[in-house]
Protein backbone atom coordinates (compact mmCIF):
# COMPACT_ATOMS: atom_id res chain seq x y z
CA UNK A 1 -51.61 -34.89 -30.69
CA UNK A 2 -52.77 -37.85 -28.56
CA UNK A 3 -56.18 -37.81 -30.14
CA UNK A 4 -54.42 -38.52 -33.42
CA UNK A 5 -52.94 -41.76 -32.17
CA UNK A 6 -55.26 -43.01 -29.36
CA UNK A 7 -56.79 -45.57 -31.60
CA UNK A 8 -53.40 -46.88 -32.79
CA UNK A 9 -52.29 -47.21 -29.17
CA UNK A 10 -55.46 -49.21 -28.23
CA UNK A 11 -54.92 -51.55 -31.05
CA UNK A 12 -51.21 -51.89 -30.07
CA UNK A 13 -52.35 -52.80 -26.49
CA UNK A 14 -54.85 -55.27 -27.74
CA UNK A 15 -52.08 -56.87 -29.87
CA UNK A 16 -49.82 -57.14 -26.95
CA UNK A 17 -52.56 -58.76 -24.88
CA UNK A 18 -53.12 -61.23 -27.72
CA UNK A 19 -49.45 -62.10 -27.78
CA UNK A 20 -49.50 -62.72 -24.02
CA UNK A 21 -52.54 -64.88 -24.38
CA UNK A 22 -50.87 -66.93 -27.04
CA UNK A 23 -47.78 -67.34 -24.81
CA UNK A 24 -49.97 -68.47 -21.98
CA UNK A 25 -51.48 -71.12 -24.19
CA UNK A 26 -48.14 -72.47 -24.95
CA UNK A 27 -47.40 -72.69 -21.14
CA UNK A 28 -50.61 -74.50 -20.59
CA UNK A 29 -49.89 -76.98 -23.47
CA UNK A 30 -46.44 -77.61 -22.02
CA UNK A 31 -48.09 -78.65 -18.72
CA UNK A 32 -50.88 -80.71 -20.50
CA UNK A 33 -48.56 -82.60 -22.77
CA UNK A 34 -45.47 -82.68 -20.35
CA UNK A 35 -43.09 -80.85 -22.57
CA UNK A 36 -40.56 -79.14 -20.48
CA UNK A 37 -38.51 -76.17 -21.59
CA UNK A 38 -36.33 -75.83 -23.62
CA UNK A 39 -37.89 -78.62 -25.64
CA UNK A 40 -40.09 -77.52 -28.58
CA UNK A 41 -41.01 -80.96 -29.72
CA UNK A 42 -43.65 -83.32 -28.31
CA UNK A 43 -47.00 -84.59 -29.26
CA UNK A 44 -48.49 -82.96 -32.42
CA UNK A 45 -51.15 -81.21 -30.35
CA UNK A 46 -48.36 -79.28 -28.43
CA UNK A 47 -46.29 -78.62 -31.58
CA UNK A 48 -49.27 -76.99 -33.28
CA UNK A 49 -49.91 -74.60 -30.36
CA UNK A 50 -46.19 -73.90 -30.12
CA UNK A 51 -45.89 -73.17 -33.77
CA UNK A 52 -49.00 -71.01 -33.91
CA UNK A 53 -47.49 -68.85 -31.14
CA UNK A 54 -44.15 -68.60 -32.75
CA UNK A 55 -45.70 -67.84 -36.18
CA UNK A 56 -47.77 -65.04 -34.70
CA UNK A 57 -44.83 -63.61 -32.72
CA UNK A 58 -42.71 -63.54 -35.92
CA UNK A 59 -45.21 -61.32 -37.70
CA UNK A 60 -46.02 -58.97 -34.71
CA UNK A 61 -43.07 -56.48 -35.12
CA UNK A 62 -44.03 -56.09 -38.80
CA UNK A 63 -47.65 -55.61 -38.01
CA UNK A 64 -46.96 -52.98 -35.23
CA UNK A 65 -44.56 -50.96 -37.40
CA UNK A 66 -46.86 -50.90 -40.39
CA UNK A 67 -49.86 -50.24 -38.29
CA UNK A 68 -48.33 -47.08 -36.86
CA UNK A 69 -46.83 -45.87 -40.19
CA UNK A 70 -50.22 -46.23 -41.84
CA UNK A 71 -51.97 -44.46 -38.88
CA UNK A 72 -49.57 -41.60 -38.82
CA UNK A 73 -49.09 -40.97 -42.59
CA UNK A 74 -52.41 -42.29 -44.07
CA UNK A 75 -55.36 -42.53 -41.79
CA UNK A 76 -55.72 -43.56 -38.09
CA UNK A 77 -59.16 -44.89 -38.67
CA UNK A 78 -58.19 -47.01 -41.61
CA UNK A 79 -55.00 -48.32 -39.83
CA UNK A 80 -57.12 -49.08 -36.60
CA UNK A 81 -59.82 -50.93 -38.54
CA UNK A 82 -57.24 -52.98 -40.41
CA UNK A 83 -55.37 -53.59 -37.14
CA UNK A 84 -58.50 -55.02 -35.51
CA UNK A 85 -59.20 -57.16 -38.57
CA UNK A 86 -55.70 -58.43 -38.46
CA UNK A 87 -55.76 -59.21 -34.71
CA UNK A 88 -59.07 -61.11 -35.13
CA UNK A 89 -57.48 -63.05 -38.19
CA UNK A 90 -54.48 -64.00 -36.03
CA UNK A 91 -56.75 -65.13 -33.20
CA UNK A 92 -58.59 -67.35 -35.59
CA UNK A 93 -55.31 -68.47 -37.08
CA UNK A 94 -54.11 -69.45 -33.60
CA UNK A 95 -57.27 -71.23 -32.74
CA UNK A 96 -57.45 -73.04 -36.05
CA UNK A 97 -53.85 -74.11 -36.01
CA UNK A 98 -54.25 -75.34 -32.47
CA UNK A 99 -56.97 -77.63 -33.66
CA UNK A 100 -55.46 -78.75 -36.92
CA UNK A 101 -52.69 -77.80 -39.37
CA UNK A 102 -55.39 -77.28 -42.02
CA UNK A 103 -57.40 -74.99 -39.72
CA UNK A 104 -54.77 -72.23 -40.05
CA UNK A 105 -55.07 -71.59 -43.74
CA UNK A 106 -58.05 -69.32 -44.24
CA UNK A 107 -57.14 -66.92 -41.32
CA UNK A 108 -53.46 -66.99 -42.40
CA UNK A 109 -54.51 -65.78 -45.90
CA UNK A 110 -56.79 -63.17 -44.42
CA UNK A 111 -54.13 -61.83 -42.11
CA UNK A 112 -51.59 -61.72 -44.91
CA UNK A 113 -53.97 -59.75 -47.17
CA UNK A 114 -54.68 -57.16 -44.34
CA UNK A 115 -50.91 -56.80 -43.87
CA UNK A 116 -50.56 -56.06 -47.64
CA UNK A 117 -53.35 -53.55 -47.36
CA UNK A 118 -51.57 -51.80 -44.53
CA UNK A 119 -48.24 -51.81 -46.35
CA UNK A 120 -49.99 -50.34 -49.37
CA UNK A 121 -51.78 -47.53 -47.39
CA UNK A 122 -48.57 -46.70 -45.51
CA UNK A 123 -46.76 -46.42 -48.79
CA UNK A 124 -49.37 -44.23 -50.21
CA UNK A 125 -49.23 -41.99 -46.97
CA UNK A 126 -45.46 -41.82 -46.96
CA UNK A 127 -45.23 -41.01 -50.56
CA UNK A 128 -47.95 -38.36 -50.30
CA UNK A 129 -46.10 -36.77 -47.29
CA UNK A 130 -42.95 -36.73 -49.25
CA UNK A 131 -44.86 -35.02 -52.15
CA UNK A 132 -46.04 -32.44 -49.81
CA UNK A 133 -42.66 -31.77 -48.39
CA UNK A 134 -40.49 -31.85 -51.60
CA UNK A 135 -42.94 -31.11 -54.45
CA UNK A 136 -45.68 -29.18 -52.55
CA UNK A 137 -48.18 -31.57 -54.01
CA UNK A 138 -50.94 -33.30 -51.93
CA UNK A 139 -51.98 -36.13 -54.24
CA UNK A 140 -54.47 -37.64 -51.71
CA UNK A 141 -56.19 -34.21 -51.34
CA UNK A 142 -56.12 -33.83 -54.97
CA UNK A 143 -57.70 -37.31 -55.58
CA UNK A 144 -60.31 -36.68 -52.84
CA UNK A 145 -61.34 -33.45 -54.64
CA UNK A 146 -61.86 -35.33 -57.92
CA UNK A 147 -63.75 -38.15 -56.29
CA UNK A 148 -66.06 -35.79 -54.35
CA UNK A 149 -66.60 -33.69 -57.50
């Protein structure tokens, strides 16, 4: 069983480490720009770092849930690949946003597209599993057979 989820677990740990890194960057920005907690406003340079971290944190639970649902019900390999791509896009988003508000846009769009792919794959996987249980129909296996001839 563990070999079926080890890649998902690795991507999850990388995601948690990324979130920790973003949080540390906010702490460093607070010190650099003299913004004491609980304040969330200050120079634009601080506010961009703070907003980038908050935005990434807001999407993290959605990402983790959909990563695991995709990995369990569709494909661990596909979920892990998409997960790594998402984490890279979020890192680029954080870095871009920290430098300028415009710098966040391309990575934001990429991470959004990856999330939609994960949502689509997870829905396919769950629907296929429901078909197996309730209709004794494995649509993904059927499609695979057609495609491989």
